[in-house]
Protein backbone atom coordinates (compact mmCIF):
# COMPACT_ATOMS: atom_id res chain seq x y z
CA MET A 1 32.30 11.88 -34.26
CA PRO A 2 29.47 12.02 -36.85
CA GLU A 3 27.74 15.29 -37.58
CA VAL A 4 24.36 15.71 -35.85
CA PRO A 5 21.69 18.20 -37.00
CA SER A 6 21.65 21.31 -34.87
CA SER A 7 18.01 20.77 -33.92
CA LEU A 8 18.72 17.25 -32.67
CA ALA A 9 22.01 18.29 -31.05
CA ALA A 10 20.22 21.02 -29.08
CA LEU A 11 17.68 18.46 -27.87
CA LEU A 12 20.35 15.96 -26.83
CA PHE A 13 22.43 18.66 -25.14
CA LEU A 14 19.62 19.12 -22.61
CA LEU A 15 20.42 15.58 -21.45
CA ARG A 16 24.09 16.40 -20.93
CA PRO A 17 23.91 16.42 -17.07
CA CYS A 18 23.18 12.65 -17.12
CA PHE A 19 26.63 11.82 -18.53
CA THR A 20 30.30 12.55 -18.17
CA ALA A 21 31.97 14.37 -21.07
CA PRO A 22 33.36 11.25 -22.84
CA THR A 23 30.18 9.26 -22.21
CA PHE A 24 27.99 12.03 -23.63
CA GLY A 25 29.88 11.86 -26.93
CA THR A 26 29.28 8.11 -27.07
CA PHE A 27 25.62 8.68 -26.21
CA GLN A 28 25.19 11.11 -29.12
CA ALA A 29 26.85 8.73 -31.55
CA LEU A 30 24.90 5.65 -30.49
CA MET A 31 21.60 7.54 -30.47
CA SER A 32 22.29 8.71 -34.04
CA GLY A 33 23.23 5.14 -34.94
CA LEU A 34 20.01 3.80 -33.44
CA ILE A 35 17.99 6.22 -35.56
CA CYS A 36 19.95 5.74 -38.79
CA GLN A 37 20.30 1.96 -38.61
CA THR A 38 17.75 0.18 -40.82
CA GLY A 39 18.86 -3.34 -39.87
CA GLN A 40 19.43 -4.95 -36.50
CA ARG A 41 19.76 -2.45 -33.63
CA THR A 42 22.31 -4.46 -31.74
CA VAL A 43 25.09 -2.54 -29.99
CA CYS A 44 27.39 -3.04 -32.97
CA GLY A 45 24.47 -2.25 -35.26
CA MET A 46 24.14 1.18 -33.64
CA LEU A 47 27.87 1.69 -34.17
CA VAL A 48 27.53 0.84 -37.86
CA GLY A 49 24.47 3.08 -38.17
CA ALA A 50 26.56 5.99 -36.89
CA ARG A 51 29.19 5.20 -39.58
CA LEU A 52 31.78 4.49 -36.90
CA GLY A 53 32.28 0.79 -37.56
CA GLY A 54 35.81 1.28 -38.85
CA VAL A 55 36.63 4.27 -36.64
CA TRP A 56 35.77 3.18 -33.08
CA HIS A 57 36.51 -0.19 -31.57
CA HIS A 58 33.30 -2.02 -30.75
CA THR A 59 34.25 -2.28 -27.08
CA ARG A 60 33.68 1.46 -26.71
CA ALA A 61 30.01 0.99 -27.59
CA HIS A 62 29.67 -2.06 -25.35
CA ARG A 63 31.30 -0.29 -22.41
CA PHE A 64 28.71 2.49 -22.71
CA PHE A 65 26.02 0.00 -21.69
CA SER A 66 27.96 -2.32 -19.40
CA ARG A 67 30.32 -0.03 -17.44
CA ALA A 68 29.84 3.67 -18.12
CA THR A 69 28.52 5.95 -15.37
CA TRP A 70 24.94 6.92 -16.22
CA CYS A 71 21.49 6.02 -14.92
CA PRO A 72 18.65 5.11 -17.31
CA GLN A 73 16.05 6.20 -14.74
CA GLU A 74 17.56 9.69 -14.43
CA LEU A 75 17.80 9.91 -18.21
CA GLY A 76 14.16 8.88 -18.56
CA LEU A 77 13.02 11.46 -16.02
CA ARG A 78 14.86 14.22 -17.87
CA VAL A 79 13.27 13.13 -21.15
CA ALA A 80 9.90 13.18 -19.37
CA ASN A 81 10.59 16.76 -18.30
CA LEU A 82 11.28 17.70 -21.92
CA VAL A 83 8.06 16.10 -23.11
CA ILE A 84 5.99 17.81 -20.41
CA GLU A 85 7.62 21.22 -20.92
CA ARG A 86 7.60 21.20 -24.73
CA LEU A 87 4.42 19.32 -25.66
CA LEU A 88 1.95 19.97 -22.81
CA GLU A 89 0.29 23.19 -21.74
CA PRO A 90 1.20 24.36 -18.21
CA ASP A 91 -2.27 23.60 -16.78
CA THR A 92 -2.86 20.36 -18.67
CA PRO A 93 -2.95 17.22 -16.51
CA ILE A 94 -0.29 14.59 -17.19
CA VAL A 95 -1.80 11.28 -18.33
CA LEU A 96 0.42 8.27 -17.67
CA ALA A 97 -0.26 4.88 -19.24
CA LEU A 98 1.46 1.84 -17.76
CA ASP A 99 1.81 -1.74 -18.87
CA ASP A 100 4.42 -4.45 -19.28
CA SER A 101 5.85 -6.05 -22.41
CA LEU A 102 7.82 -9.21 -23.09
CA LEU A 103 11.05 -8.91 -25.09
CA HIS A 104 12.18 -12.28 -26.37
CA ARG A 105 15.72 -13.37 -25.56
CA ARG A 106 17.73 -16.53 -26.11
CA GLY A 107 20.11 -18.17 -23.70
CA ARG A 108 19.98 -19.17 -20.06
CA ARG A 109 22.78 -16.82 -19.07
CA VAL A 110 20.99 -13.62 -20.03
CA PHE A 111 20.27 -11.59 -16.91
CA GLY A 112 16.68 -11.41 -15.70
CA THR A 113 15.15 -13.86 -18.17
CA HIS A 114 12.31 -16.19 -17.33
CA TRP A 115 9.33 -17.92 -18.92
CA HIS A 116 6.52 -15.41 -19.46
CA HIS A 117 3.10 -15.39 -21.02
CA ASP A 118 3.32 -13.84 -24.47
CA ALA A 119 0.13 -11.90 -25.14
CA THR A 120 1.15 -11.31 -28.77
CA ALA A 121 1.49 -15.01 -29.64
CA ASN A 122 -0.52 -16.17 -32.62
CA SER A 123 -1.14 -19.69 -31.34
CA PRO A 124 -1.54 -21.40 -27.93
CA SER A 125 1.62 -23.42 -28.54
CA HIS A 126 3.69 -20.22 -28.51
CA SER A 127 1.83 -18.48 -25.68
CA VAL A 128 4.82 -18.90 -23.34
CA ALA A 129 8.19 -17.45 -24.30
CA TRP A 130 11.63 -16.91 -22.78
CA GLY A 131 12.76 -13.33 -22.29
CA ASN A 132 12.78 -10.17 -20.18
CA ASN A 133 9.60 -8.55 -18.95
CA TRP A 134 9.70 -4.75 -18.79
CA ILE A 135 7.29 -2.44 -16.98
CA VAL A 136 6.91 0.78 -18.97
CA VAL A 137 5.33 4.10 -18.01
CA GLY A 138 4.59 6.46 -20.89
CA ILE A 139 3.14 9.96 -21.24
CA VAL A 140 -0.02 10.06 -23.35
CA ILE A 141 -0.18 13.18 -25.49
CA ARG A 142 -2.20 14.48 -28.42
CA LEU A 143 -0.30 16.25 -31.19
CA ALA A 144 -1.95 18.79 -33.48
CA PHE A 145 -0.96 16.94 -36.66
CA LEU A 146 -2.22 13.52 -35.49
CA ASP A 147 -5.76 12.25 -35.11
CA ARG A 148 -4.79 9.72 -32.44
CA PRO A 149 -3.09 9.87 -29.04
CA VAL A 150 0.58 8.92 -28.80
CA CYS A 151 2.35 7.27 -25.88
CA LEU A 152 5.92 8.39 -25.27
CA PRO A 153 7.73 5.89 -22.99
CA VAL A 154 9.88 7.58 -20.36
CA CYS A 155 10.35 5.32 -17.31
CA PHE A 156 11.18 1.62 -17.17
CA ALA A 157 11.73 -1.21 -14.70
CA LEU A 158 12.88 -4.76 -15.33
CA TRP A 159 10.75 -7.28 -13.50
CA LEU A 160 12.98 -9.95 -12.00
CA PRO A 161 11.58 -13.47 -11.57
CA ARG A 162 11.20 -15.29 -8.31
CA PRO A 163 14.43 -17.07 -7.27
CA LYS A 164 14.32 -20.77 -7.99
CA ASP A 165 15.77 -21.75 -4.62
CA LEU A 166 12.79 -20.39 -2.66
CA ALA A 167 10.15 -22.83 -1.53
CA ARG A 168 6.53 -22.17 -2.36
CA GLY A 169 4.96 -19.80 0.13
CA GLN A 170 8.17 -18.07 1.17
CA SER A 171 8.31 -14.30 0.74
CA CYS A 172 10.94 -12.55 -1.34
CA PRO A 173 11.13 -8.85 -0.38
CA GLU A 174 13.86 -8.06 -2.91
CA ARG A 175 11.61 -9.14 -5.80
CA PRO A 176 8.78 -6.56 -5.98
CA SER A 177 5.72 -7.28 -8.06
CA LYS A 178 4.89 -5.52 -11.31
CA PRO A 179 2.33 -3.13 -9.74
CA VAL A 180 4.85 -2.19 -7.04
CA LEU A 181 7.49 -1.41 -9.68
CA ALA A 182 4.97 0.64 -11.64
CA ARG A 183 4.03 2.57 -8.50
CA ARG A 184 7.69 3.44 -7.90
CA LEU A 185 8.01 4.80 -11.43
CA VAL A 186 4.87 6.91 -11.07
CA ASP A 187 6.12 8.26 -7.72
CA GLN A 188 9.37 9.35 -9.37
CA ILE A 189 7.50 11.33 -12.02
CA ALA A 190 5.11 12.81 -9.44
CA ALA A 191 8.07 13.93 -7.28
CA ARG A 192 9.47 15.91 -10.25
CA HIS A 193 6.10 17.62 -10.85
CA PRO A 194 4.42 18.07 -7.46
CA ASP A 195 2.14 20.88 -8.69
CA ARG A 196 0.75 19.04 -11.72
CA ALA A 197 -2.32 16.81 -11.76
CA ILE A 198 -1.34 13.29 -12.83
CA HIS A 199 -3.83 10.69 -14.07
CA VAL A 200 -2.56 7.10 -14.13
CA VAL A 201 -4.31 4.57 -16.38
CA GLY A 202 -3.73 0.83 -16.42
CA ASP A 203 -5.40 -2.49 -17.08
CA ALA A 204 -6.86 -4.90 -14.53
CA GLY A 205 -3.52 -6.58 -13.86
CA TYR A 206 -2.27 -3.45 -12.10
CA ALA A 207 -5.35 -2.84 -9.96
CA THR A 208 -3.84 -3.91 -6.63
CA SER A 209 -3.07 -2.53 -3.20
CA ALA A 210 0.17 -1.07 -4.54
CA TRP A 211 -1.72 2.16 -5.24
CA ARG A 212 -2.79 2.75 -1.67
CA GLY A 213 -1.89 6.19 -0.32
CA LEU A 214 -1.43 8.08 -3.57
CA PRO A 215 -0.43 11.77 -3.28
CA ALA A 216 -3.26 14.28 -3.61
CA PRO A 217 -2.55 15.40 -7.23
CA VAL A 218 -2.31 11.79 -8.49
CA THR A 219 -5.34 9.71 -9.46
CA MET A 220 -5.59 6.19 -10.80
CA THR A 221 -8.10 4.68 -13.23
CA PHE A 222 -8.03 0.95 -13.81
CA ARG A 223 -10.26 -1.70 -15.21
CA VAL A 224 -11.53 -3.72 -12.25
CA ARG A 225 -12.47 -7.38 -12.09
CA LYS A 226 -16.18 -8.14 -12.04
CA ASP A 227 -15.84 -10.11 -8.80
CA ALA A 228 -14.16 -7.25 -6.89
CA ALA A 229 -15.45 -6.84 -3.31
CA LEU A 230 -16.76 -3.27 -3.19
CA TYR A 231 -18.38 -1.45 -0.29
CA ALA A 232 -20.54 1.59 0.19
CA PRO A 233 -18.73 4.80 1.25
CA THR A 234 -17.79 5.30 4.88
CA PRO A 235 -20.96 6.13 6.85
CA PRO A 236 -21.09 9.25 9.05
CA ARG A 237 -20.29 9.05 12.76
CA THR A 238 -23.23 7.95 14.87
CA GLY A 239 -22.03 9.36 18.19
CA ARG A 240 -22.14 5.97 19.85
CA ARG A 241 -19.32 4.46 21.84
CA GLY A 242 -16.89 2.19 20.08
CA ARG A 243 -14.77 2.23 16.97
CA PRO A 244 -16.43 4.08 14.05
CA ALA A 245 -17.11 2.15 10.87
CA LYS A 246 -14.45 2.48 8.17
CA LYS A 247 -16.59 1.13 5.33
CA GLY A 248 -20.23 0.87 4.46
CA ASP A 249 -22.32 -2.14 3.62
CA PRO A 250 -21.04 -4.61 1.01
CA LEU A 251 -22.20 -3.87 -2.51
CA PRO A 252 -23.39 -6.54 -4.94
CA ARG A 253 -20.98 -7.92 -7.49
CA ILE A 254 -20.57 -5.85 -10.62
CA ALA A 255 -22.47 -8.33 -12.77
CA ARG A 256 -25.44 -8.19 -10.40
CA ILE A 257 -25.39 -4.38 -10.36
CA ALA A 258 -25.55 -4.35 -14.14
CA ALA A 259 -28.33 -6.94 -14.25
CA ASP A 260 -30.42 -5.26 -11.54
CA PRO A 261 -33.54 -3.65 -13.09
CA ALA A 262 -33.32 -0.87 -10.49
CA THR A 263 -29.90 0.26 -11.79
CA CYS A 264 -30.20 3.75 -13.27
CA TRP A 265 -28.39 4.14 -16.59
CA GLN A 266 -27.60 7.49 -18.17
CA THR A 267 -26.54 7.96 -21.77
CA VAL A 268 -23.36 9.98 -22.36
CA LEU A 269 -21.42 10.89 -25.48
CA ALA A 270 -18.01 9.23 -25.17
CA SER A 271 -15.08 9.53 -27.58
CA ARG A 272 -13.02 6.36 -27.76
CA TYR A 273 -10.98 4.60 -30.40
CA ALA A 274 -11.29 7.42 -32.97
CA LYS A 275 -15.08 7.61 -32.87
CA SER A 276 -17.80 9.17 -30.73
CA GLU A 277 -20.84 7.22 -29.66
CA GLN A 278 -23.69 7.27 -27.16
CA VAL A 279 -23.07 4.73 -24.40
CA PRO A 280 -25.17 3.83 -21.33
CA VAL A 281 -23.25 4.51 -18.10
CA HIS A 282 -23.92 3.88 -14.43
CA GLU A 283 -21.91 5.79 -11.81
CA LEU A 284 -21.56 4.67 -8.21
CA ASP A 285 -19.53 5.97 -5.24
CA CYS A 286 -17.80 3.14 -3.42
CA LEU A 287 -14.77 1.86 -1.53
CA TRP A 288 -12.40 -0.93 -2.56
CA TYR A 289 -11.34 -1.53 1.01
CA GLU A 290 -9.14 -4.61 0.54
CA ALA A 291 -6.89 -2.79 -1.92
CA LEU A 292 -7.25 0.97 -1.38
CA ALA A 293 -8.53 1.05 2.22
CA ASP A 294 -10.68 4.14 2.85
CA THR A 295 -9.71 6.01 -0.34
CA PRO A 296 -12.93 7.31 -1.96
CA CYS A 297 -13.53 5.71 -5.35
CA ARG A 298 -16.04 5.75 -8.17
CA LEU A 299 -17.28 2.79 -10.13
CA ILE A 300 -18.06 3.53 -13.78
CA LEU A 301 -20.08 0.81 -15.50
CA VAL A 302 -20.44 0.92 -19.27
CA ALA A 303 -23.24 -1.35 -20.50
CA ASP A 304 -23.61 -3.03 -23.84
CA PRO A 305 -25.84 -0.69 -25.93
CA LYS A 306 -27.84 -3.72 -27.11
CA ASP A 307 -28.19 -5.29 -23.66
CA HIS A 308 -28.08 -3.05 -20.59
CA ALA A 309 -28.05 -6.09 -18.31
CA ARG A 310 -24.49 -6.92 -19.39
CA ALA A 311 -21.55 -4.74 -18.30
CA GLN A 312 -19.19 -4.10 -21.20
CA LEU A 313 -16.59 -2.23 -19.14
CA ALA A 314 -16.07 -1.66 -15.41
CA LEU A 315 -13.71 1.10 -14.34
CA LEU A 316 -12.59 1.99 -10.84
CA THR A 317 -11.12 5.44 -10.35
CA THR A 318 -9.97 7.72 -7.55
CA ASP A 319 -10.68 10.75 -9.77
CA LEU A 320 -13.78 12.30 -8.21
CA SER A 321 -14.05 15.34 -10.47
CA SER A 322 -13.90 14.09 -14.08
CA THR A 323 -17.07 13.16 -15.91
CA PRO A 324 -17.80 9.55 -16.91
CA ALA A 325 -17.24 10.46 -20.57
CA GLN A 326 -13.78 11.81 -19.76
CA LEU A 327 -12.88 8.70 -17.77
CA ILE A 328 -14.03 6.39 -20.57
CA GLY A 329 -12.02 8.34 -23.12
CA ARG A 330 -8.98 8.38 -20.82
CA TYR A 331 -9.07 4.63 -20.43
CA ALA A 332 -9.53 4.16 -24.17
CA ASP A 333 -6.41 6.27 -24.78
CA ARG A 334 -4.46 3.69 -22.75
CA TRP A 335 -4.44 1.53 -25.87
CA CYS A 336 -1.75 3.74 -27.38
CA ILE A 337 0.83 2.11 -25.09
CA GLU A 338 0.12 -1.20 -26.85
CA VAL A 339 0.75 0.55 -30.17
CA CYS A 340 3.94 1.98 -28.64
CA PHE A 341 5.21 -1.53 -27.85
CA GLN A 342 4.52 -2.74 -31.38
CA GLU A 343 6.27 0.24 -33.00
CA ALA A 344 9.21 0.12 -30.59
CA LYS A 345 9.89 -3.54 -31.38
CA HIS A 346 9.28 -3.53 -35.13
CA ILE A 347 10.26 0.02 -36.17
CA PHE A 348 12.92 1.07 -33.64
CA GLY A 349 14.33 -2.39 -32.97
CA VAL A 350 13.96 -2.31 -29.19
CA GLY A 351 15.09 -5.69 -27.89
CA HIS A 352 17.54 -6.45 -30.70
CA ALA A 353 20.57 -6.13 -28.41
CA ARG A 354 22.24 -9.41 -27.48
CA ASN A 355 24.12 -8.46 -24.31
CA ARG A 356 23.82 -10.58 -21.17
CA THR A 357 25.36 -8.79 -18.16
CA PRO A 358 23.01 -7.18 -15.60
CA LEU A 359 23.96 -3.56 -16.22
CA ALA A 360 23.91 -3.88 -20.01
CA VAL A 361 20.53 -5.66 -20.04
CA ALA A 362 19.08 -2.98 -17.75
CA ARG A 363 20.21 -0.16 -20.09
CA THR A 364 19.79 -1.22 -23.71
CA VAL A 365 15.98 -1.52 -23.67
CA PRO A 366 15.41 1.89 -21.98
CA PHE A 367 17.93 3.39 -24.43
CA GLY A 368 15.87 2.10 -27.38
CA PHE A 369 12.55 3.26 -25.93
CA LEU A 370 13.98 6.72 -25.19
CA GLY A 371 15.32 6.87 -28.75
CA MET A 372 11.74 6.45 -29.93
CA THR A 373 10.51 9.19 -27.58
CA LEU A 374 13.24 11.60 -28.69
CA THR A 375 12.45 10.92 -32.35
CA ILE A 376 8.76 11.78 -31.92
CA LEU A 377 9.65 14.79 -29.76
CA TRP A 378 12.10 16.06 -32.40
CA TYR A 379 9.52 15.59 -35.16
CA ALA A 380 6.85 17.47 -33.20
CA LEU A 381 9.21 20.40 -32.56
CA HIS A 382 11.24 20.60 -35.77
CA GLY A 383 10.36 18.00 -38.37
CA HIS A 384 6.67 18.15 -39.22
CA HIS A 385 5.65 19.51 -42.61
CA PRO A 386 2.67 18.70 -44.87
CA HIS A 387 5.02 17.42 -47.57
CA VAL A 388 5.89 14.40 -45.34
CA VAL A 389 2.45 12.86 -45.88
CA ALA A 390 2.29 14.06 -49.49
CA ASP A 391 5.63 12.43 -50.26
CA ARG A 392 4.55 9.20 -48.64
CA ARG A 393 1.30 9.10 -50.62
CA ARG A 394 3.18 9.86 -53.81
CA HIS A 395 5.44 6.86 -53.32
CA ALA A 396 2.61 4.65 -52.00
CA PRO A 397 -0.56 5.78 -53.82
CA TRP A 398 -2.56 2.84 -52.45
CA TYR A 399 -2.75 4.59 -49.08
CA GLN A 400 -5.80 6.62 -50.07
CA THR A 401 -6.93 7.34 -46.50
CA LYS A 402 -3.55 8.47 -45.13
CA ARG A 403 -3.98 11.95 -43.67
CA SER A 404 -1.33 12.15 -40.94
CA PRO A 405 2.24 10.92 -40.51
CA CYS A 406 2.89 7.62 -38.77
CA THR A 407 5.83 6.82 -36.52
CA ALA A 408 7.75 5.31 -39.43
CA ASP A 409 7.39 8.62 -41.31
CA MET A 410 8.76 10.52 -38.32
CA LEU A 411 11.74 8.18 -38.11
CA ALA A 412 12.41 8.44 -41.86
CA THR A 413 12.31 12.25 -41.68
CA LEU A 414 14.88 12.35 -38.88
CA ARG A 415 17.08 9.80 -40.66
CA ARG A 416 17.18 11.87 -43.81
CA THR A 417 17.91 15.03 -41.81
CA ILE A 418 20.90 13.30 -40.21
CA ILE A 419 22.07 11.99 -43.60
CA ALA A 420 21.79 15.44 -45.18
CA THR A 421 23.88 16.89 -42.34
CA GLN A 422 26.74 14.52 -43.19
CA TYR A 423 27.04 16.07 -46.66
CA LEU A 424 26.75 19.83 -46.24
CA PRO A 425 27.42 22.08 -49.26
CA GLY A 426 30.68 23.97 -49.42
CA GLN A 427 32.93 21.11 -48.38
CA PRO A 428 36.61 21.66 -49.34
CA THR A 429 36.79 18.41 -51.32
CA ALA A 430 34.31 16.93 -53.76
CA PRO A 431 32.70 13.63 -52.71
CA THR A 432 34.00 10.49 -54.33
CA PRO A 433 31.73 8.21 -56.41
CA ARG A 434 31.78 5.72 -53.56
CA GLU A 435 30.54 8.36 -51.11
CA ILE A 436 27.84 9.47 -53.55
CA THR A 437 26.64 5.88 -53.95
CA ALA A 438 26.67 5.38 -50.18
CA VAL A 439 24.49 8.42 -49.48
CA GLN A 440 22.08 7.45 -52.27
CA HIS A 441 21.60 4.00 -50.75
CA ALA A 442 21.23 5.47 -47.26
CA TRP A 443 18.66 8.00 -48.47
CA ALA A 444 16.62 5.28 -50.16
CA ALA A 445 16.81 3.04 -47.10
CA ALA A 446 15.84 5.82 -44.70
CA SER A 447 12.14 5.13 -45.23
CA ALA A 448 12.50 1.35 -44.99
């Protein structure tokens, strides 16, 4: 078993209840291998990264994902508890960003694969790709040493495609939609923290009826389509006989509200995308009856500063207490989950695994995402120091504007801490030239 730094070992030990004793040892080794590996993060790549390629048989690593007794959802919820307890103040609301991402795979026999739209494609000819589509819920936090919000992924669900043998129009209850899967993940987090306020943020694709009947401490804020059918709030009882009205009069379409000269715009100072600016905002109480029934909502319209007749952004929220500036900033912080996907794929190698069985496919991607979350959590608790940025600027002097560490710097710091632990002073035997050369190469590659 490779040596693990005490700070990282203490963090991983808090996840011990998710595993049996033998499986926990494999978990520690593969997590260290995921962090230390600079090449492909396949299952065997993690084993090589942990320097166990010639010690363990590769089937031990594969069995951890395909047969071992552990649940990625329970592991993700425990990691979420660590993030909330260690990085958030007790009275701070929990902000959850949700979205889905396509992980490319090859082969027809890989579990859960289908043709999906690839939003990251550079050309229309590659806009559809074969792979797995994962719904991810992450905790949005702000760290003292960063000037940007960070999304830490904690809960995951694999969206399964519609069976091919079903005729068009037939229902498939065992294949829930993406918003329904996202709602289940949010409910799991809310059940673990019933006394905390939780703000959910998503794009227009998740603004559906799946969010009807949210618990009291949970609010949702989504971008809404401009043709959404909105209604005035429920009118008061008239005292007449008959069923009372559940919704008010229909409201005009969002584009007409923005273009109406009678619309009252107020200017607010909103902070979004690392800058503060004055934006014209219109606030309106409403109901989205088709999706959320009689749940009170607010419509936040952000107009183009150069043309108030054109709505630049339309937000629908069940949060009735936050100011429009706070809601605009909260939705802007949702972008950090897109950055999370890019860093997870290209820095942490999420999606490199080539397994095909259902249980293995359902575990390797959450394992990689949680490795990213644990790395950032470890860096925030134990690894940050001003010399990290200074060292990076010394080796790359062309980064004149670099003032804070990036995710790659955090990963390199943890890699080098793990490498240094392997070669502690006071060992009974002197290292061989081969071992010295190996650690020199590993140290140089740690920042790759």
